[in-house]
Amino acid sequence: MSTENVKIVELNAENWYGCCELEVSTEQKEYIEPNAISIAQSKFEPTLKPYAIYAEEKVVGFLMYNSVQEELDAYWVYRIMVDKEFQGKGIGKAATKLMISEMAKLPNAQKIVVGYHPENLGAHNLYSSLGFIDNGDRFGKEMAVIKNITER
């Protein structure tokens, strides 16, 4: 499966249910809310932007970010997940790059932040490979890592 065929599509009537059916591996479940919860949250917090991740025209993942700035004067990534059957193929990384490109278009976008549990090594490896830096920011049990978006 090649990562050139990865795309992100705003959640819609055709893909929302497919996102609800996706699952992470058992050991990842304690780190992430089910997609149905995230999708419900996006209906009550309209600044949240949910997307389906496609690989070769199939829904294989889900992501969501906030389109208004929050703590650390940054835009926050709320969720990124790839179904357990499709993990380890570079899809999450490709989708995250596409998401960063979308987030970079937001007003005055200078920083993107994502929080995750320190023991979630998959998340840690993904974000560090994409240039997110740990400056020691902590929110509850989560560490927050920051990517500075260079001026375009």
Protein backbone atom coordinates (compact mmCIF):
# COMPACT_ATOMS: atom_id res chain seq x y z
CA MET A 1 0.00 0.00 0.00
CA SER A 2 1.62 3.23 -1.06
CA THR A 3 1.38 6.45 0.90
CA GLU A 4 0.93 8.50 -2.31
CA ASN A 5 -2.68 7.32 -2.27
CA VAL A 6 -3.37 8.71 1.21
CA LYS A 7 -5.78 11.62 1.43
CA ILE A 8 -7.85 13.32 4.08
CA VAL A 9 -11.49 14.22 3.45
CA GLU A 10 -13.72 16.29 5.71
CA LEU A 11 -16.19 14.08 7.53
CA ASN A 12 -19.41 13.71 5.56
CA ALA A 13 -22.51 11.55 5.13
CA GLU A 14 -20.53 8.99 3.10
CA ASN A 15 -17.60 8.43 5.45
CA TRP A 16 -18.64 9.11 9.07
CA TYR A 17 -19.92 5.60 9.75
CA GLY A 18 -16.79 4.03 8.30
CA CYS A 19 -14.79 6.09 10.78
CA CYS A 20 -16.96 4.80 13.64
CA GLU A 21 -16.11 1.21 12.68
CA LEU A 22 -12.34 1.71 12.85
CA GLU A 23 -10.40 0.41 15.85
CA VAL A 24 -6.93 0.83 17.27
CA SER A 25 -5.02 -2.09 18.76
CA THR A 26 -5.91 -3.26 22.26
CA GLU A 27 -2.85 -1.66 23.85
CA GLN A 28 -3.67 1.69 22.21
CA LYS A 29 -7.30 1.78 23.39
CA GLU A 30 -6.44 3.37 26.75
CA TYR A 31 -4.83 6.32 24.95
CA ILE A 32 -7.59 7.42 22.58
CA GLU A 33 -11.34 7.99 22.61
CA PRO A 34 -13.48 5.97 20.18
CA ASN A 35 -14.06 7.86 16.92
CA ALA A 36 -17.83 7.96 17.56
CA ILE A 37 -17.15 10.06 20.68
CA SER A 38 -14.89 12.43 18.73
CA ILE A 39 -17.47 12.79 15.98
CA ALA A 40 -20.19 13.54 18.54
CA GLN A 41 -17.88 16.09 20.19
CA SER A 42 -17.40 17.84 16.84
CA LYS A 43 -21.16 18.34 16.55
CA PHE A 44 -21.23 20.25 19.84
CA GLU A 45 -17.94 22.09 19.35
CA PRO A 46 -18.22 23.46 15.82
CA THR A 47 -14.62 24.71 15.70
CA LEU A 48 -13.43 21.07 15.69
CA LYS A 49 -12.69 19.78 12.19
CA PRO A 50 -13.06 16.00 11.78
CA TYR A 51 -11.59 14.20 8.76
CA ALA A 52 -11.58 10.68 7.42
CA ILE A 53 -8.21 9.29 6.36
CA TYR A 54 -8.37 7.37 3.09
CA ALA A 55 -5.82 5.00 1.61
CA GLU A 56 -6.57 3.79 -1.90
CA GLU A 57 -10.20 4.99 -1.65
CA LYS A 58 -10.85 3.10 1.61
CA VAL A 59 -11.51 4.76 4.98
CA VAL A 60 -8.62 3.63 7.20
CA GLY A 61 -8.32 6.35 9.83
CA PHE A 62 -9.67 9.45 11.50
CA LEU A 63 -8.26 12.77 12.59
CA MET A 64 -9.59 15.95 14.12
CA TYR A 65 -8.14 19.35 14.96
CA ASN A 66 -9.41 22.62 16.38
CA SER A 67 -9.69 25.59 14.03
CA VAL A 68 -9.31 28.15 16.84
CA GLN A 69 -6.19 28.73 18.91
CA GLU A 70 -6.03 27.39 22.45
CA GLU A 71 -3.30 27.00 25.08
CA LEU A 72 0.25 27.96 24.09
CA ASP A 73 -1.28 30.27 21.42
CA ALA A 74 -1.42 27.26 19.16
CA TYR A 75 -3.80 25.18 17.09
CA TRP A 76 -4.33 21.77 18.68
CA VAL A 77 -4.59 18.35 17.11
CA TYR A 78 -7.33 16.45 18.94
CA ARG A 79 -7.18 12.99 17.35
CA ILE A 80 -5.19 10.98 14.89
CA MET A 81 -5.78 7.27 14.53
CA VAL A 82 -5.27 4.59 11.92
CA ASP A 83 -7.16 1.31 12.08
CA LYS A 84 -5.11 -1.55 13.54
CA GLU A 85 -5.23 -3.42 10.20
CA PHE A 86 -3.50 -0.52 8.43
CA GLN A 87 -0.93 0.58 10.99
CA GLY A 88 2.80 0.48 10.31
CA LYS A 89 2.45 1.42 6.64
CA GLY A 90 3.23 5.14 6.87
CA ILE A 91 -0.43 6.13 6.50
CA GLY A 92 -0.57 8.01 9.81
CA LYS A 93 2.53 10.00 8.94
CA ALA A 94 1.26 10.85 5.45
CA ALA A 95 -2.14 11.90 6.82
CA THR A 96 -0.53 13.99 9.57
CA LYS A 97 1.53 15.86 6.96
CA LEU A 98 -1.67 16.59 5.01
CA MET A 99 -3.37 17.77 8.21
CA ILE A 100 -0.45 20.07 9.04
CA SER A 101 -0.78 21.61 5.56
CA GLU A 102 -4.48 22.29 6.25
CA MET A 103 -3.78 23.68 9.72
CA ALA A 104 -1.05 25.96 8.34
CA LYS A 105 -3.78 27.82 6.38
CA LEU A 106 -5.59 28.83 9.59
CA PRO A 107 -5.36 32.49 10.66
CA ASN A 108 -2.02 33.42 12.21
CA ALA A 109 -0.96 29.77 12.35
CA GLN A 110 2.49 29.65 13.90
CA LYS A 111 2.34 26.62 16.18
CA ILE A 112 0.60 23.27 16.12
CA VAL A 113 0.39 21.32 19.37
CA VAL A 114 -0.58 17.74 20.02
CA GLY A 115 -0.99 16.13 23.42
CA TYR A 116 -0.52 12.45 24.09
CA HIS A 117 0.20 10.06 26.93
CA PRO A 118 3.98 9.76 27.54
CA GLU A 119 3.80 5.96 27.32
CA ASN A 120 2.22 6.07 23.85
CA LEU A 121 5.40 5.32 21.93
CA GLY A 122 3.67 5.14 18.56
CA ALA A 123 2.47 8.72 18.96
CA HIS A 124 5.85 9.82 20.27
CA ASN A 125 7.72 8.35 17.29
CA LEU A 126 5.25 9.78 14.79
CA TYR A 127 5.33 13.33 16.10
CA SER A 128 9.07 13.50 16.69
CA SER A 129 9.64 12.27 13.12
CA LEU A 130 7.53 15.21 11.90
CA GLY A 131 9.47 17.83 13.84
CA PHE A 132 7.30 18.21 16.95
CA ILE A 133 9.45 19.28 19.92
CA ASP A 134 8.88 18.55 23.61
CA ASN A 135 9.45 21.80 25.51
CA GLY A 136 8.27 20.25 28.77
CA ASP A 137 4.64 21.39 28.52
CA ARG A 138 2.28 19.09 30.43
CA PHE A 139 -1.52 19.14 30.64
CA GLY A 140 -2.79 16.64 33.16
CA LYS A 141 -1.45 13.21 32.24
CA GLU A 142 -0.52 14.30 28.73
CA MET A 143 2.64 15.77 27.34
CA ALA A 144 2.21 18.47 24.72
CA VAL A 145 4.63 18.65 21.82
CA ILE A 146 4.90 21.63 19.52
CA LYS A 147 5.65 22.09 15.83
CA ASN A 148 6.55 25.58 14.71
CA ILE A 149 5.17 26.33 11.27
CA THR A 150 7.75 28.27 9.35
CA GLU A 151 6.59 31.51 7.76
CA ARG A 152 5.47 30.94 4.22
